[in-house]
Amino acid sequence: MAAAYARIPARFRRRLKNIALWWNPSQVPEQLAAAARPGEALYWASTKAARLTRRSVFEPFAMPDRITIFQGPHERLATSPEHLARLVEDTVWHEWRTTSA
């Protein structure tokens, strides 16, 4: 995951503030139950975050947004270590965009 994160251009990495990246082997039942599309077989990641439009400068402290990358789906689809890094990079981008929308 560190290699995939490093591939994100620095100008965007600077905007990845207060974000915790996690790596789990697979989804847990609670995450599947809370998903936007319950029953979908393949989830790449899960995000717990507050939308930027709902945040305030008056909040003294906020826990980091949490992006959990699921190892199993990525490894099953990857055809090489380089492909795996690209899949993880794409997933981090996608999840970050959902938190910054």
PDB file of N, CA and C in Angstrom:
ATOM      1  N   MET A   1       0.832  -1.174   0.000  1.00  0.00           N
ATOM      2  CA  MET A   1       0.000   0.000   0.000  1.00  0.00           C
ATOM      3  C   MET A   1       0.884   1.247   0.000  1.00  0.00           C
ATOM      4  N   ALA A   2       2.036   1.196   0.629  1.00  0.00           N
ATOM      5  CA  ALA A   2       2.929   2.355   0.661  1.00  0.00           C
ATOM      6  C   ALA A   2       3.389   2.717  -0.745  1.00  0.00           C
ATOM      7  N   ALA A   3       3.660   1.703  -1.566  1.00  0.00           N
ATOM      8  CA  ALA A   3       4.091   1.971  -2.946  1.00  0.00           C
ATOM      9  C   ALA A   3       2.976   2.631  -3.744  1.00  0.00           C
ATOM     10  N   ALA A   4       1.757   2.164  -3.559  1.00  0.00           N
ATOM     11  CA  ALA A   4       0.614   2.749  -4.274  1.00  0.00           C
ATOM     12  C   ALA A   4       0.382   4.186  -3.815  1.00  0.00           C
ATOM     13  N   TYR A   5       0.507   4.425  -2.530  1.00  0.00           N
ATOM     14  CA  TYR A   5       0.332   5.774  -1.994  1.00  0.00           C
ATOM     15  C   TYR A   5       1.413   6.709  -2.546  1.00  0.00           C
ATOM     16  N   ALA A   6       2.642   6.219  -2.624  1.00  0.00           N
ATOM     17  CA  ALA A   6       3.756   7.032  -3.117  1.00  0.00           C
ATOM     18  C   ALA A   6       3.577   7.422  -4.584  1.00  0.00           C
ATOM     19  N   ARG A   7       2.820   6.636  -5.334  1.00  0.00           N
ATOM     20  CA  ARG A   7       2.596   6.934  -6.755  1.00  0.00           C
ATOM     21  C   ARG A   7       1.602   8.071  -6.966  1.00  0.00           C
ATOM     22  N   ILE A   8       0.858   8.439  -5.946  1.00  0.00           N
ATOM     23  CA  ILE A   8      -0.073   9.562  -6.061  1.00  0.00           C
ATOM     24  C   ILE A   8       0.763  10.839  -6.101  1.00  0.00           C
ATOM     25  N   PRO A   9       0.549  11.701  -7.078  1.00  0.00           N
ATOM     26  CA  PRO A   9       1.354  12.923  -7.183  1.00  0.00           C
ATOM     27  C   PRO A   9       1.344  13.734  -5.883  1.00  0.00           C
ATOM     28  N   ALA A  10       2.496  14.333  -5.578  1.00  0.00           N
ATOM     29  CA  ALA A  10       2.674  15.076  -4.321  1.00  0.00           C
ATOM     30  C   ALA A  10       1.625  16.161  -4.133  1.00  0.00           C
ATOM     31  N   ARG A  11       1.224  16.818  -5.212  1.00  0.00           N
ATOM     32  CA  ARG A  11       0.243  17.905  -5.063  1.00  0.00           C
ATOM     33  C   ARG A  11      -1.090  17.395  -4.528  1.00  0.00           C
ATOM     34  N   PHE A  12      -1.406  16.114  -4.777  1.00  0.00           N
ATOM     35  CA  PHE A  12      -2.628  15.526  -4.241  1.00  0.00           C
ATOM     36  C   PHE A  12      -2.380  14.906  -2.866  1.00  0.00           C
ATOM     37  N   ARG A  13      -1.204  14.304  -2.676  1.00  0.00           N
ATOM     38  CA  ARG A  13      -0.907  13.727  -1.359  1.00  0.00           C
ATOM     39  C   ARG A  13      -0.961  14.790  -0.277  1.00  0.00           C
ATOM     40  N   ARG A  14      -0.570  16.019  -0.595  1.00  0.00           N
ATOM     41  CA  ARG A  14      -0.639  17.103   0.391  1.00  0.00           C
ATOM     42  C   ARG A  14      -2.075  17.342   0.853  1.00  0.00           C
ATOM     43  N   ARG A  15      -3.037  17.014  -0.002  1.00  0.00           N
ATOM     44  CA  ARG A  15      -4.448  17.218   0.352  1.00  0.00           C
ATOM     45  C   ARG A  15      -5.022  16.037   1.127  1.00  0.00           C
ATOM     46  N   LEU A  16      -4.277  14.967   1.227  1.00  0.00           N
ATOM     47  CA  LEU A  16      -4.736  13.790   1.974  1.00  0.00           C
ATOM     48  C   LEU A  16      -4.414  13.985   3.454  1.00  0.00           C
ATOM     49  N   LYS A  17      -5.062  14.954   4.052  1.00  0.00           N
ATOM     50  CA  LYS A  17      -4.808  15.267   5.447  1.00  0.00           C
ATOM     51  C   LYS A  17      -5.853  14.605   6.333  1.00  0.00           C
ATOM     52  N   ASN A  18      -5.404  14.205   7.495  1.00  0.00           N
ATOM     53  CA  ASN A  18      -6.288  13.608   8.486  1.00  0.00           C
ATOM     54  C   ASN A  18      -7.022  12.383   7.935  1.00  0.00           C
ATOM     55  N   ILE A  19      -6.270  11.565   7.203  1.00  0.00           N
ATOM     56  CA  ILE A  19      -6.815  10.323   6.638  1.00  0.00           C
ATOM     57  C   ILE A  19      -5.961   9.163   7.119  1.00  0.00           C
ATOM     58  N   ALA A  20      -6.614   8.138   7.614  1.00  0.00           N
ATOM     59  CA  ALA A  20      -5.925   6.918   8.024  1.00  0.00           C
ATOM     60  C   ALA A  20      -6.213   5.842   6.980  1.00  0.00           C
ATOM     61  N   LEU A  21      -5.159   5.234   6.449  1.00  0.00           N
ATOM     62  CA  LEU A  21      -5.317   4.148   5.486  1.00  0.00           C
ATOM     63  C   LEU A  21      -5.113   2.827   6.218  1.00  0.00           C
ATOM     64  N   TRP A  22      -6.067   1.922   6.055  1.00  0.00           N
ATOM     65  CA  TRP A  22      -6.019   0.603   6.695  1.00  0.00           C
ATOM     66  C   TRP A  22      -6.025  -0.463   5.615  1.00  0.00           C
ATOM     67  N   TRP A  23      -5.472  -1.603   5.935  1.00  0.00           N
ATOM     68  CA  TRP A  23      -5.417  -2.735   5.014  1.00  0.00           C
ATOM     69  C   TRP A  23      -5.974  -3.932   5.753  1.00  0.00           C
ATOM     70  N   ASN A  24      -7.126  -4.445   5.309  1.00  0.00           N
ATOM     71  CA  ASN A  24      -7.745  -5.620   5.929  1.00  0.00           C
ATOM     72  C   ASN A  24      -7.777  -6.759   4.919  1.00  0.00           C
ATOM     73  N   PRO A  25      -7.677  -7.997   5.390  1.00  0.00           N
ATOM     74  CA  PRO A  25      -7.738  -9.136   4.468  1.00  0.00           C
ATOM     75  C   PRO A  25      -9.050  -9.194   3.688  1.00  0.00           C
ATOM     76  N   SER A  26     -10.152  -8.911   4.348  1.00  0.00           N
ATOM     77  CA  SER A  26     -11.448  -8.949   3.658  1.00  0.00           C
ATOM     78  C   SER A  26     -12.466  -8.150   4.465  1.00  0.00           C
ATOM     79  N   GLN A  27     -13.640  -8.030   3.896  1.00  0.00           N
ATOM     80  CA  GLN A  27     -14.706  -7.311   4.572  1.00  0.00           C
ATOM     81  C   GLN A  27     -15.224  -8.136   5.748  1.00  0.00           C
ATOM     82  N   VAL A  28     -15.706  -7.422   6.751  1.00  0.00           N
ATOM     83  CA  VAL A  28     -16.362  -8.100   7.861  1.00  0.00           C
ATOM     84  C   VAL A  28     -17.865  -7.958   7.648  1.00  0.00           C
ATOM     85  N   PRO A  29     -18.662  -8.838   8.214  1.00  0.00           N
ATOM     86  CA  PRO A  29     -20.113  -8.782   7.980  1.00  0.00           C
ATOM     87  C   PRO A  29     -20.741  -7.418   8.277  1.00  0.00           C
ATOM     88  N   GLU A  30     -20.256  -6.729   9.296  1.00  0.00           N
ATOM     89  CA  GLU A  30     -20.820  -5.420   9.625  1.00  0.00           C
ATOM     90  C   GLU A  30     -20.597  -4.420   8.490  1.00  0.00           C
ATOM     91  N   GLN A  31     -19.434  -4.500   7.852  1.00  0.00           N
ATOM     92  CA  GLN A  31     -19.152  -3.591   6.738  1.00  0.00           C
ATOM     93  C   GLN A  31     -20.034  -3.913   5.545  1.00  0.00           C
ATOM     94  N   LEU A  32     -20.243  -5.182   5.276  1.00  0.00           N
ATOM     95  CA  LEU A  32     -21.111  -5.561   4.161  1.00  0.00           C
ATOM     96  C   LEU A  32     -22.548  -5.134   4.416  1.00  0.00           C
ATOM     97  N   ALA A  33     -22.993  -5.269   5.663  1.00  0.00           N
ATOM     98  CA  ALA A  33     -24.371  -4.899   5.996  1.00  0.00           C
ATOM     99  C   ALA A  33     -24.591  -3.392   5.880  1.00  0.00           C
ATOM    100  N   ALA A  34     -23.556  -2.602   6.178  1.00  0.00           N
ATOM    101  CA  ALA A  34     -23.682  -1.139   6.132  1.00  0.00           C
ATOM    102  C   ALA A  34     -23.368  -0.567   4.757  1.00  0.00           C
ATOM    103  N   ALA A  35     -23.030  -1.416   3.806  1.00  0.00           N
ATOM    104  CA  ALA A  35     -22.623  -0.943   2.484  1.00  0.00           C
ATOM    105  C   ALA A  35     -23.786  -0.315   1.728  1.00  0.00           C
ATOM    106  N   ALA A  36     -23.433   0.522   0.790  1.00  0.00           N
ATOM    107  CA  ALA A  36     -24.450   1.206  -0.017  1.00  0.00           C
ATOM    108  C   ALA A  36     -25.237   0.230  -0.879  1.00  0.00           C
ATOM    109  N   ARG A  37     -24.582  -0.847  -1.293  1.00  0.00           N
ATOM    110  CA  ARG A  37     -25.236  -1.851  -2.141  1.00  0.00           C
ATOM    111  C   ARG A  37     -25.107  -3.219  -1.468  1.00  0.00           C
ATOM    112  N   PRO A  38     -25.901  -3.476  -0.437  1.00  0.00           N
ATOM    113  CA  PRO A  38     -25.785  -4.751   0.273  1.00  0.00           C
ATOM    114  C   PRO A  38     -25.907  -5.935  -0.681  1.00  0.00           C
ATOM    115  N   GLY A  39     -25.120  -6.942  -0.403  1.00  0.00           N
ATOM    116  CA  GLY A  39     -25.174  -8.150  -1.198  1.00  0.00           C
ATOM    117  C   GLY A  39     -24.204  -8.168  -2.363  1.00  0.00           C
ATOM    118  N   GLU A  40     -23.568  -7.046  -2.664  1.00  0.00           N
ATOM    119  CA  GLU A  40     -22.601  -7.031  -3.754  1.00  0.00           C
ATOM    120  C   GLU A  40     -21.410  -7.881  -3.350  1.00  0.00           C
ATOM    121  N   ALA A  41     -20.960  -8.721  -4.239  1.00  0.00           N
ATOM    122  CA  ALA A  41     -19.943  -9.707  -3.901  1.00  0.00           C
ATOM    123  C   ALA A  41     -18.543  -9.122  -3.740  1.00  0.00           C
ATOM    124  N   LEU A  42     -18.236  -8.052  -4.458  1.00  0.00           N
ATOM    125  CA  LEU A  42     -16.862  -7.576  -4.474  1.00  0.00           C
ATOM    126  C   LEU A  42     -16.781  -6.120  -4.039  1.00  0.00           C
ATOM    127  N   TYR A  43     -16.249  -5.906  -2.867  1.00  0.00           N
ATOM    128  CA  TYR A  43     -15.993  -4.553  -2.398  1.00  0.00           C
ATOM    129  C   TYR A  43     -14.497  -4.351  -2.346  1.00  0.00           C
ATOM    130  N   TRP A  44     -14.037  -3.237  -2.848  1.00  0.00           N
ATOM    131  CA  TRP A  44     -12.613  -2.925  -2.886  1.00  0.00           C
ATOM    132  C   TRP A  44     -12.168  -2.222  -1.617  1.00  0.00           C
ATOM    133  N   ALA A  45     -13.070  -1.395  -1.063  1.00  0.00           N
ATOM    134  CA  ALA A  45     -12.683  -0.588   0.086  1.00  0.00           C
ATOM    135  C   ALA A  45     -13.916  -0.085   0.818  1.00  0.00           C
ATOM    136  N   SER A  46     -13.668   0.470   1.979  1.00  0.00           N
ATOM    137  CA  SER A  46     -14.730   1.062   2.781  1.00  0.00           C
ATOM    138  C   SER A  46     -14.209   2.385   3.325  1.00  0.00           C
ATOM    139  N   THR A  47     -15.073   3.375   3.355  1.00  0.00           N
ATOM    140  CA  THR A  47     -14.674   4.686   3.852  1.00  0.00           C
ATOM    141  C   THR A  47     -15.616   5.137   4.954  1.00  0.00           C
ATOM    142  N   LYS A  48     -15.038   5.587   6.040  1.00  0.00           N
ATOM    143  CA  LYS A  48     -15.805   6.235   7.106  1.00  0.00           C
ATOM    144  C   LYS A  48     -15.277   7.652   7.184  1.00  0.00           C
ATOM    145  N   ALA A  49     -16.090   8.589   6.715  1.00  0.00           N
ATOM    146  CA  ALA A  49     -15.614   9.965   6.646  1.00  0.00           C
ATOM    147  C   ALA A  49     -16.788  10.934   6.711  1.00  0.00           C
ATOM    148  N   ALA A  50     -16.465  12.127   7.123  1.00  0.00           N
ATOM    149  CA  ALA A  50     -17.434  13.221   7.081  1.00  0.00           C
ATOM    150  C   ALA A  50     -17.171  14.012   5.807  1.00  0.00           C
ATOM    151  N   ARG A  51     -18.205  14.314   5.061  1.00  0.00           N
ATOM    152  CA  ARG A  51     -18.049  15.108   3.843  1.00  0.00           C
ATOM    153  C   ARG A  51     -17.435  16.468   4.184  1.00  0.00           C
ATOM    154  N   LEU A  52     -16.592  16.960   3.294  1.00  0.00           N
ATOM    155  CA  LEU A  52     -15.967  18.262   3.518  1.00  0.00           C
ATOM    156  C   LEU A  52     -16.999  19.365   3.678  1.00  0.00           C
ATOM    157  N   THR A  53     -18.124  19.221   2.996  1.00  0.00           N
ATOM    158  CA  THR A  53     -19.168  20.250   3.093  1.00  0.00           C
ATOM    159  C   THR A  53     -19.839  20.257   4.458  1.00  0.00           C
ATOM    160  N   ARG A  54     -19.656  19.222   5.247  1.00  0.00           N
ATOM    161  CA  ARG A  54     -20.270  19.150   6.575  1.00  0.00           C
ATOM    162  C   ARG A  54     -19.280  19.444   7.699  1.00  0.00           C
ATOM    163  N   ARG A  55     -18.059  19.768   7.339  1.00  0.00           N
ATOM    164  CA  ARG A  55     -17.040  20.051   8.344  1.00  0.00           C
ATOM    165  C   ARG A  55     -17.013  21.533   8.656  1.00  0.00           C
ATOM    166  N   SER A  56     -16.479  21.833   9.806  1.00  0.00           N
ATOM    167  CA  SER A  56     -16.429  23.225  10.241  1.00  0.00           C
ATOM    168  C   SER A  56     -15.045  23.551  10.792  1.00  0.00           C
ATOM    169  N   VAL A  57     -14.606  24.768  10.566  1.00  0.00           N
ATOM    170  CA  VAL A  57     -13.347  25.220  11.145  1.00  0.00           C
ATOM    171  C   VAL A  57     -13.481  25.384  12.656  1.00  0.00           C
ATOM    172  N   PHE A  58     -14.697  25.372  13.151  1.00  0.00           N
ATOM    173  CA  PHE A  58     -14.938  25.541  14.573  1.00  0.00           C
ATOM    174  C   PHE A  58     -14.844  24.227  15.352  1.00  0.00           C
ATOM    175  N   GLU A  59     -14.664  23.115  14.654  1.00  0.00           N
ATOM    176  CA  GLU A  59     -14.462  21.843  15.340  1.00  0.00           C
ATOM    177  C   GLU A  59     -13.008  21.780  15.794  1.00  0.00           C
ATOM    178  N   PRO A  60     -12.777  21.679  17.100  1.00  0.00           N
ATOM    179  CA  PRO A  60     -11.404  21.733  17.588  1.00  0.00           C
ATOM    180  C   PRO A  60     -10.572  20.507  17.216  1.00  0.00           C
ATOM    181  N   PHE A  61     -11.207  19.368  17.100  1.00  0.00           N
ATOM    182  CA  PHE A  61     -10.462  18.143  16.805  1.00  0.00           C
ATOM    183  C   PHE A  61     -11.394  17.167  16.098  1.00  0.00           C
ATOM    184  N   ALA A  62     -10.888  16.538  15.091  1.00  0.00           N
ATOM    185  CA  ALA A  62     -11.675  15.528  14.395  1.00  0.00           C
ATOM    186  C   ALA A  62     -10.824  14.278  14.212  1.00  0.00           C
ATOM    187  N   MET A  63     -11.420  13.149  14.458  1.00  0.00           N
ATOM    188  CA  MET A  63     -10.721  11.894  14.207  1.00  0.00           C
ATOM    189  C   MET A  63     -10.474  11.789  12.709  1.00  0.00           C
ATOM    190  N   PRO A  64      -9.428  11.080  12.312  1.00  0.00           N
ATOM    191  CA  PRO A  64      -9.153  10.981  10.877  1.00  0.00           C
ATOM    192  C   PRO A  64     -10.229  10.193  10.145  1.00  0.00           C
ATOM    193  N   ASP A  65     -10.428  10.575   8.893  1.00  0.00           N
ATOM    194  CA  ASP A  65     -11.264   9.760   8.025  1.00  0.00           C
ATOM    195  C   ASP A  65     -10.536   8.433   7.851  1.00  0.00           C
ATOM    196  N   ARG A  66     -11.303   7.373   7.717  1.00  0.00           N
ATOM    197  CA  ARG A  66     -10.694   6.050   7.650  1.00  0.00           C
ATOM    198  C   ARG A  66     -11.036   5.388   6.321  1.00  0.00           C
ATOM    199  N   ILE A  67     -10.000   5.076   5.559  1.00  0.00           N
ATOM    200  CA  ILE A  67     -10.160   4.335   4.311  1.00  0.00           C
ATOM    201  C   ILE A  67      -9.566   2.952   4.544  1.00  0.00           C
ATOM    202  N   THR A  68     -10.409   1.930   4.433  1.00  0.00           N
ATOM    203  CA  THR A  68      -9.965   0.557   4.609  1.00  0.00           C
ATOM    204  C   THR A  68      -9.919  -0.109   3.238  1.00  0.00           C
ATOM    205  N   ILE A  69      -8.745  -0.564   2.854  1.00  0.00           N
ATOM    206  CA  ILE A  69      -8.547  -1.262   1.587  1.00  0.00           C
ATOM    207  C   ILE A  69      -8.637  -2.758   1.876  1.00  0.00           C
ATOM    208  N   PHE A  70      -9.420  -3.481   1.088  1.00  0.00           N
ATOM    209  CA  PHE A  70      -9.570  -4.919   1.304  1.00  0.00           C
ATOM    210  C   PHE A  70      -8.605  -5.687   0.406  1.00  0.00           C
ATOM    211  N   GLN A  71      -7.754  -6.463   1.036  1.00  0.00           N
ATOM    212  CA  GLN A  71      -6.677  -7.183   0.375  1.00  0.00           C
ATOM    213  C   GLN A  71      -7.186  -8.247  -0.597  1.00  0.00           C
ATOM    214  N   GLY A  72      -8.149  -9.029  -0.178  1.00  0.00           N
ATOM    215  CA  GLY A  72      -8.607 -10.164  -0.977  1.00  0.00           C
ATOM    216  C   GLY A  72      -9.030  -9.804  -2.393  1.00  0.00           C
ATOM    217  N   PRO A  73      -9.970  -8.878  -2.580  1.00  0.00           N
ATOM    218  CA  PRO A  73     -10.399  -8.535  -3.934  1.00  0.00           C
ATOM    219  C   PRO A  73      -9.260  -8.021  -4.813  1.00  0.00           C
ATOM    220  N   HIS A  74      -8.366  -7.241  -4.232  1.00  0.00           N
ATOM    221  CA  HIS A  74      -7.250  -6.708  -5.010  1.00  0.00           C
ATOM    222  C   HIS A  74      -6.309  -7.824  -5.453  1.00  0.00           C
ATOM    223  N   GLU A  75      -5.977  -8.715  -4.534  1.00  0.00           N
ATOM    224  CA  GLU A  75      -5.046  -9.784  -4.877  1.00  0.00           C
ATOM    225  C   GLU A  75      -5.650 -10.775  -5.863  1.00  0.00           C
ATOM    226  N   ARG A  76      -6.957 -11.006  -5.788  1.00  0.00           N
ATOM    227  CA  ARG A  76      -7.592 -11.937  -6.730  1.00  0.00           C
ATOM    228  C   ARG A  76      -7.590 -11.394  -8.154  1.00  0.00           C
ATOM    229  N   LEU A  77      -7.717 -10.093  -8.313  1.00  0.00           N
ATOM    230  CA  LEU A  77      -7.768  -9.516  -9.647  1.00  0.00           C
ATOM    231  C   LEU A  77      -6.406  -9.129 -10.201  1.00  0.00           C
ATOM    232  N   ALA A  78      -5.423  -8.924  -9.347  1.00  0.00           N
ATOM    233  CA  ALA A  78      -4.101  -8.483  -9.804  1.00  0.00           C
ATOM    234  C   ALA A  78      -3.391  -9.601 -10.567  1.00  0.00           C
ATOM    235  N   THR A  79      -2.728  -9.209 -11.644  1.00  0.00           N
ATOM    236  CA  THR A  79      -1.973 -10.162 -12.457  1.00  0.00           C
ATOM    237  C   THR A  79      -0.479 -10.087 -12.196  1.00  0.00           C
ATOM    238  N   SER A  80      -0.034  -9.071 -11.431  1.00  0.00           N
ATOM    239  CA  SER A  80       1.382  -8.916 -11.106  1.00  0.00           C
ATOM    240  C   SER A  80       1.478  -7.961  -9.910  1.00  0.00           C
ATOM    241  N   PRO A  81       2.651  -7.899  -9.279  1.00  0.00           N
ATOM    242  CA  PRO A  81       2.804  -6.932  -8.180  1.00  0.00           C
ATOM    243  C   PRO A  81       2.577  -5.486  -8.637  1.00  0.00           C
ATOM    244  N   GLU A  82       2.992  -5.165  -9.847  1.00  0.00           N
ATOM    245  CA  GLU A  82       2.783  -3.814 -10.376  1.00  0.00           C
ATOM    246  C   GLU A  82       1.297  -3.533 -10.581  1.00  0.00           C
ATOM    247  N   HIS A  83       0.586  -4.532 -11.076  1.00  0.00           N
ATOM    248  CA  HIS A  83      -0.854  -4.387 -11.271  1.00  0.00           C
ATOM    249  C   HIS A  83      -1.557  -4.220  -9.924  1.00  0.00           C
ATOM    250  N   LEU A  84      -1.108  -4.964  -8.923  1.00  0.00           N
ATOM    251  CA  LEU A  84      -1.677  -4.841  -7.581  1.00  0.00           C
ATOM    252  C   LEU A  84      -1.489  -3.416  -7.051  1.00  0.00           C
ATOM    253  N   ALA A  85      -0.280  -2.870  -7.218  1.00  0.00           N
ATOM    254  CA  ALA A  85      -0.021  -1.502  -6.761  1.00  0.00           C
ATOM    255  C   ALA A  85      -0.931  -0.516  -7.476  1.00  0.00           C
ATOM    256  N   ARG A  86      -1.160  -0.724  -8.762  1.00  0.00           N
ATOM    257  CA  ARG A  86      -2.027   0.172  -9.531  1.00  0.00           C
ATOM    258  C   ARG A  86      -3.485   0.071  -9.056  1.00  0.00           C
ATOM    259  N   LEU A  87      -3.945  -1.160  -8.795  1.00  0.00           N
ATOM    260  CA  LEU A  87      -5.308  -1.347  -8.295  1.00  0.00           C
ATOM    261  C   LEU A  87      -5.501  -0.634  -6.954  1.00  0.00           C
ATOM    262  N   VAL A  88      -4.519  -0.765  -6.069  1.00  0.00           N
ATOM    263  CA  VAL A  88      -4.615  -0.118  -4.762  1.00  0.00           C
ATOM    264  C   VAL A  88      -4.588   1.399  -4.932  1.00  0.00           C
ATOM    265  N   GLU A  89      -3.702   1.886  -5.796  1.00  0.00           N
ATOM    266  CA  GLU A  89      -3.641   3.325  -6.053  1.00  0.00           C
ATOM    267  C   GLU A  89      -4.984   3.845  -6.560  1.00  0.00           C
ATOM    268  N   ASP A  90      -5.568   3.147  -7.515  1.00  0.00           N
ATOM    269  CA  ASP A  90      -6.870   3.564  -8.060  1.00  0.00           C
ATOM    270  C   ASP A  90      -7.947   3.555  -6.984  1.00  0.00           C
ATOM    271  N   THR A  91      -7.904   2.570  -6.104  1.00  0.00           N
ATOM    272  CA  THR A  91      -8.900   2.471  -5.039  1.00  0.00           C
ATOM    273  C   THR A  91      -8.739   3.613  -4.034  1.00  0.00           C
ATOM    274  N   VAL A  92      -7.499   3.926  -3.660  1.00  0.00           N
ATOM    275  CA  VAL A  92      -7.266   5.045  -2.733  1.00  0.00           C
ATOM    276  C   VAL A  92      -7.781   6.339  -3.363  1.00  0.00           C
ATOM    277  N   TRP A  93      -7.491   6.563  -4.643  1.00  0.00           N
ATOM    278  CA  TRP A  93      -7.990   7.747  -5.347  1.00  0.00           C
ATOM    279  C   TRP A  93      -9.512   7.812  -5.277  1.00  0.00           C
ATOM    280  N   HIS A  94     -10.140   6.706  -5.608  1.00  0.00           N
ATOM    281  CA  HIS A  94     -11.610   6.668  -5.622  1.00  0.00           C
ATOM    282  C   HIS A  94     -12.186   6.987  -4.249  1.00  0.00           C
ATOM    283  N   GLU A  95     -11.665   6.323  -3.235  1.00  0.00           N
ATOM    284  CA  GLU A  95     -12.189   6.532  -1.886  1.00  0.00           C
ATOM    285  C   GLU A  95     -11.923   7.955  -1.408  1.00  0.00           C
ATOM    286  N   TRP A  96     -10.766   8.503  -1.726  1.00  0.00           N
ATOM    287  CA  TRP A  96     -10.459   9.874  -1.318  1.00  0.00           C
ATOM    288  C   TRP A  96     -11.408  10.847  -2.011  1.00  0.00           C
ATOM    289  N   ARG A  97     -11.685  10.615  -3.285  1.00  0.00           N
ATOM    290  CA  ARG A  97     -12.605  11.499  -3.989  1.00  0.00           C
ATOM    291  C   ARG A  97     -13.998  11.460  -3.372  1.00  0.00           C
ATOM    292  N   THR A  98     -14.413  10.321  -2.862  1.00  0.00           N
ATOM    293  CA  THR A  98     -15.742  10.257  -2.240  1.00  0.00           C
ATOM    294  C   THR A  98     -15.785  11.050  -0.941  1.00  0.00           C
ATOM    295  N   THR A  99     -14.650  11.164  -0.244  1.00  0.00           N
ATOM    296  CA  THR A  99     -14.636  11.943   0.994  1.00  0.00           C
ATOM    297  C   THR A  99     -14.491  13.425   0.722  1.00  0.00           C
ATOM    298  N   SER A 100     -13.927  13.800  -0.414  1.00  0.00           N
ATOM    299  CA  SER A 100     -13.688  15.219  -0.694  1.00  0.00           C
ATOM    300  C   SER A 100     -14.757  15.816  -1.582  1.00  0.00           C
ATOM    301  N   ALA A 101     -15.786  15.041  -1.911  1.00  0.00           N
ATOM    302  CA  ALA A 101     -16.842  15.541  -2.795  1.00  0.00           C
ATOM    303  C   ALA A 101     -17.759  16.501  -2.068  1.00  0.00           C
TER     304      ALA A 101
END
